[in-house]
Amino acid sequence: MKINIFLLLVFLCFSCNNVQPRKPINQKPSTTLLKATAQQTKALNTIEDKKIEQLILNDSLALYYVSKNGFWYTYNHKKEGNLPTPQLGNEVSFEYGITDLNDSIIYSKEELGIINYKVDKEDFISAIQKGIKLMKIGETITFVIPFYNAYGISGDGNKIGVNQSIKSTITLLNIK
């Protein structure tokens, strides 16, 4: 009986040991890959911006504006006066088409039809979400959208490729 108690005490003493956590195999996180990816992305964005700026320089008939949101736009048909523009939560109707930077049609406005969109409440092309808030009913604007404000590095999975910048001509039909 005394031996059983002694063995129990010995077992309890050695089993109440502090557990040491395992050390990770790679103790230093690899930030070089992240830094390299960030540098490549910045370089790609710079190249794309220069291509778009060259496209705009070559289009001497249009006056382009630079948006603080990272896209360019020009008015094809502008309405003068103090008319309302879409605000958060408004439902707008518009038609639009998408071309590449060389004006080759990717999606025609007939193919896309009239779009009903709730401003900033639905998912849509990032630049168009912001650009539509610049428009008045009846205006037509062409947006030049770099890939990082359009479909990004994945494309749309159909006709718009990876890292493809686009142009979209939009006519705002109605604001509710």
Protein backbone atom coordinates (compact mmCIF):
# COMPACT_ATOMS: atom_id res chain seq x y z
CA MET A 1 0.00 0.00 0.00
CA LYS A 2 2.85 2.38 0.90
CA ILE A 3 4.52 1.55 -2.40
CA ASN A 4 1.36 2.45 -4.30
CA ILE A 5 1.12 5.81 -2.52
CA PHE A 6 4.81 6.46 -3.16
CA LEU A 7 4.42 5.68 -6.87
CA LEU A 8 1.36 7.89 -7.07
CA LEU A 9 3.27 10.81 -5.49
CA VAL A 10 6.24 10.30 -7.83
CA PHE A 11 3.89 10.17 -10.81
CA LEU A 12 2.12 13.37 -9.73
CA CYS A 13 5.40 15.23 -9.21
CA PHE A 14 6.76 14.42 -12.63
CA SER A 15 3.48 14.84 -14.49
CA CYS A 16 2.86 18.41 -13.23
CA ASN A 17 5.71 19.68 -15.30
CA ASN A 18 5.33 23.04 -17.20
CA VAL A 19 4.56 22.43 -20.86
CA GLN A 20 6.98 24.16 -23.18
CA PRO A 21 5.44 25.45 -26.43
CA ARG A 22 7.07 24.33 -29.65
CA LYS A 23 9.15 26.91 -31.43
CA PRO A 24 8.24 27.63 -35.06
CA ILE A 25 10.51 26.19 -37.69
CA ASN A 26 10.93 29.58 -39.41
CA GLN A 27 11.42 31.96 -36.55
CA LYS A 28 11.85 35.06 -38.75
CA PRO A 29 8.90 35.89 -41.03
CA SER A 30 9.87 36.27 -44.66
CA THR A 31 9.12 39.86 -45.57
CA THR A 32 11.26 39.82 -48.69
CA LEU A 33 8.50 38.16 -50.71
CA LEU A 34 5.95 40.77 -49.59
CA LYS A 35 8.34 43.61 -50.38
CA ALA A 36 9.12 42.18 -53.82
CA THR A 37 5.41 41.76 -54.59
CA ALA A 38 4.66 45.33 -53.48
CA GLN A 39 7.49 46.67 -55.67
CA GLN A 40 6.25 44.69 -58.69
CA THR A 41 2.72 45.95 -58.17
CA LYS A 42 3.89 49.57 -57.93
CA ALA A 43 5.96 49.16 -61.10
CA LEU A 44 3.01 47.60 -62.95
CA ASN A 45 0.69 50.41 -61.80
CA THR A 46 3.22 53.04 -62.95
CA ILE A 47 3.55 51.41 -66.38
CA GLU A 48 -0.23 51.27 -66.77
CA ASP A 49 -0.65 54.90 -65.71
CA LYS A 50 1.96 55.96 -68.29
CA LYS A 51 0.13 54.01 -71.03
CA ILE A 52 -3.11 55.75 -70.12
CA GLU A 53 -1.44 59.17 -69.97
CA GLN A 54 0.01 58.55 -73.46
CA LEU A 55 -3.44 57.54 -74.72
CA ILE A 56 -4.87 60.79 -73.34
CA LEU A 57 -2.08 62.87 -74.91
CA ASN A 58 -2.83 61.25 -78.28
CA ASP A 59 -6.53 62.15 -77.97
CA SER A 60 -6.15 65.86 -78.64
CA LEU A 61 -9.86 66.45 -79.28
CA ALA A 62 -11.01 65.59 -75.73
CA LEU A 63 -10.33 67.32 -72.43
CA TYR A 64 -9.62 64.70 -69.76
CA TYR A 65 -9.92 65.19 -66.03
CA VAL A 66 -7.99 63.20 -63.46
CA SER A 67 -10.09 61.84 -60.63
CA LYS A 68 -8.73 61.71 -57.11
CA ASN A 69 -9.99 58.10 -57.15
CA GLY A 70 -7.47 56.89 -59.73
CA PHE A 71 -9.22 57.13 -63.10
CA TRP A 72 -9.55 59.66 -65.93
CA TYR A 73 -12.71 60.89 -67.60
CA THR A 74 -13.93 63.14 -70.39
CA TYR A 75 -17.38 64.51 -71.11
CA ASN A 76 -18.92 63.38 -74.40
CA HIS A 77 -22.12 65.27 -73.60
CA LYS A 78 -22.18 67.65 -70.64
CA LYS A 79 -25.24 69.25 -69.02
CA GLU A 80 -24.82 72.76 -67.68
CA GLY A 81 -26.62 74.14 -64.68
CA ASN A 82 -27.25 73.16 -61.12
CA LEU A 83 -28.73 69.71 -61.77
CA PRO A 84 -28.62 66.94 -59.14
CA THR A 85 -26.00 64.21 -59.14
CA PRO A 86 -26.47 60.72 -57.67
CA GLN A 87 -25.96 60.42 -53.93
CA LEU A 88 -25.54 57.48 -51.58
CA GLY A 89 -28.57 55.19 -51.77
CA ASN A 90 -30.13 56.75 -54.90
CA GLU A 91 -31.22 54.31 -57.57
CA VAL A 92 -29.85 55.25 -60.97
CA SER A 93 -30.46 53.92 -64.45
CA PHE A 94 -27.70 54.07 -67.00
CA GLU A 95 -26.39 52.41 -70.09
CA TYR A 96 -22.76 51.73 -70.76
CA GLY A 97 -20.32 49.88 -72.93
CA ILE A 98 -16.78 48.68 -72.30
CA THR A 99 -13.85 48.83 -74.71
CA ASP A 100 -10.15 48.21 -74.36
CA LEU A 101 -7.72 51.13 -74.56
CA ASN A 102 -7.57 50.76 -78.36
CA ASP A 103 -11.38 51.20 -78.62
CA SER A 104 -12.03 47.55 -79.51
CA ILE A 105 -15.45 46.63 -78.13
CA ILE A 106 -15.41 44.19 -75.23
CA TYR A 107 -19.05 44.60 -74.17
CA SER A 108 -21.43 46.76 -76.23
CA LYS A 109 -24.13 48.84 -74.55
CA GLU A 110 -26.72 46.76 -76.41
CA GLU A 111 -25.22 43.60 -74.95
CA LEU A 112 -25.20 45.01 -71.39
CA GLY A 113 -28.59 46.73 -71.60
CA ILE A 114 -29.91 49.33 -69.17
CA ILE A 115 -28.52 48.93 -65.66
CA ASN A 116 -30.42 49.82 -62.50
CA TYR A 117 -27.93 50.43 -59.73
CA LYS A 118 -28.30 51.55 -56.12
CA VAL A 119 -25.43 54.01 -55.53
CA ASP A 120 -22.78 52.60 -53.16
CA LYS A 121 -25.16 49.86 -52.00
CA GLU A 122 -24.33 47.31 -54.72
CA ASP A 123 -21.08 45.86 -55.95
CA PHE A 124 -19.91 47.24 -59.30
CA ILE A 125 -16.71 48.32 -61.04
CA SER A 126 -14.92 50.47 -58.47
CA ALA A 127 -14.18 53.44 -60.74
CA ILE A 128 -17.71 53.48 -62.16
CA GLN A 129 -19.17 53.44 -58.64
CA LYS A 130 -17.25 56.63 -57.94
CA GLY A 131 -17.58 58.13 -61.41
CA ILE A 132 -21.35 57.82 -61.61
CA LYS A 133 -21.60 60.27 -58.70
CA LEU A 134 -20.07 62.94 -60.96
CA MET A 135 -22.85 62.68 -63.53
CA LYS A 136 -26.11 64.53 -64.15
CA ILE A 137 -29.14 63.06 -65.93
CA GLY A 138 -28.55 63.04 -69.69
CA GLU A 139 -24.75 63.32 -69.49
CA THR A 140 -22.42 60.93 -71.26
CA ILE A 141 -18.92 60.46 -69.89
CA THR A 142 -16.09 58.22 -71.04
CA PHE A 143 -14.05 56.84 -68.17
CA VAL A 144 -10.53 55.53 -68.69
CA ILE A 145 -10.04 53.00 -65.93
CA PRO A 146 -6.72 51.36 -65.03
CA PHE A 147 -6.93 47.65 -64.25
CA TYR A 148 -6.50 48.20 -60.51
CA ASN A 149 -9.78 50.21 -60.47
CA ALA A 150 -11.58 47.87 -62.85
CA TYR A 151 -11.31 44.08 -62.61
CA GLY A 152 -7.80 43.90 -61.16
CA ILE A 153 -5.42 41.02 -61.52
CA SER A 154 -8.15 38.46 -62.17
CA GLY A 155 -10.18 40.02 -64.99
CA ASP A 156 -13.91 39.35 -65.18
CA GLY A 157 -13.49 35.66 -65.97
CA ASN A 158 -14.93 36.16 -69.44
CA LYS A 159 -13.85 38.84 -71.93
CA ILE A 160 -11.75 41.15 -69.75
CA GLY A 161 -8.29 39.75 -69.17
CA VAL A 162 -5.94 39.94 -66.24
CA ASN A 163 -4.44 43.37 -65.59
CA GLN A 164 -6.51 44.85 -68.44
CA SER A 165 -7.35 48.53 -68.33
CA ILE A 166 -10.65 49.54 -69.90
CA LYS A 167 -12.65 52.47 -71.21
CA SER A 168 -16.33 52.75 -70.39
CA THR A 169 -18.76 55.22 -71.92
CA ILE A 170 -21.75 55.80 -69.65
CA THR A 171 -24.99 57.71 -70.20
CA LEU A 172 -26.94 58.49 -67.04
CA LEU A 173 -30.65 58.04 -67.79
CA ASN A 174 -32.37 58.60 -64.46
CA ILE A 175 -31.90 59.26 -60.73
CA LYS A 176 -34.55 58.14 -58.22
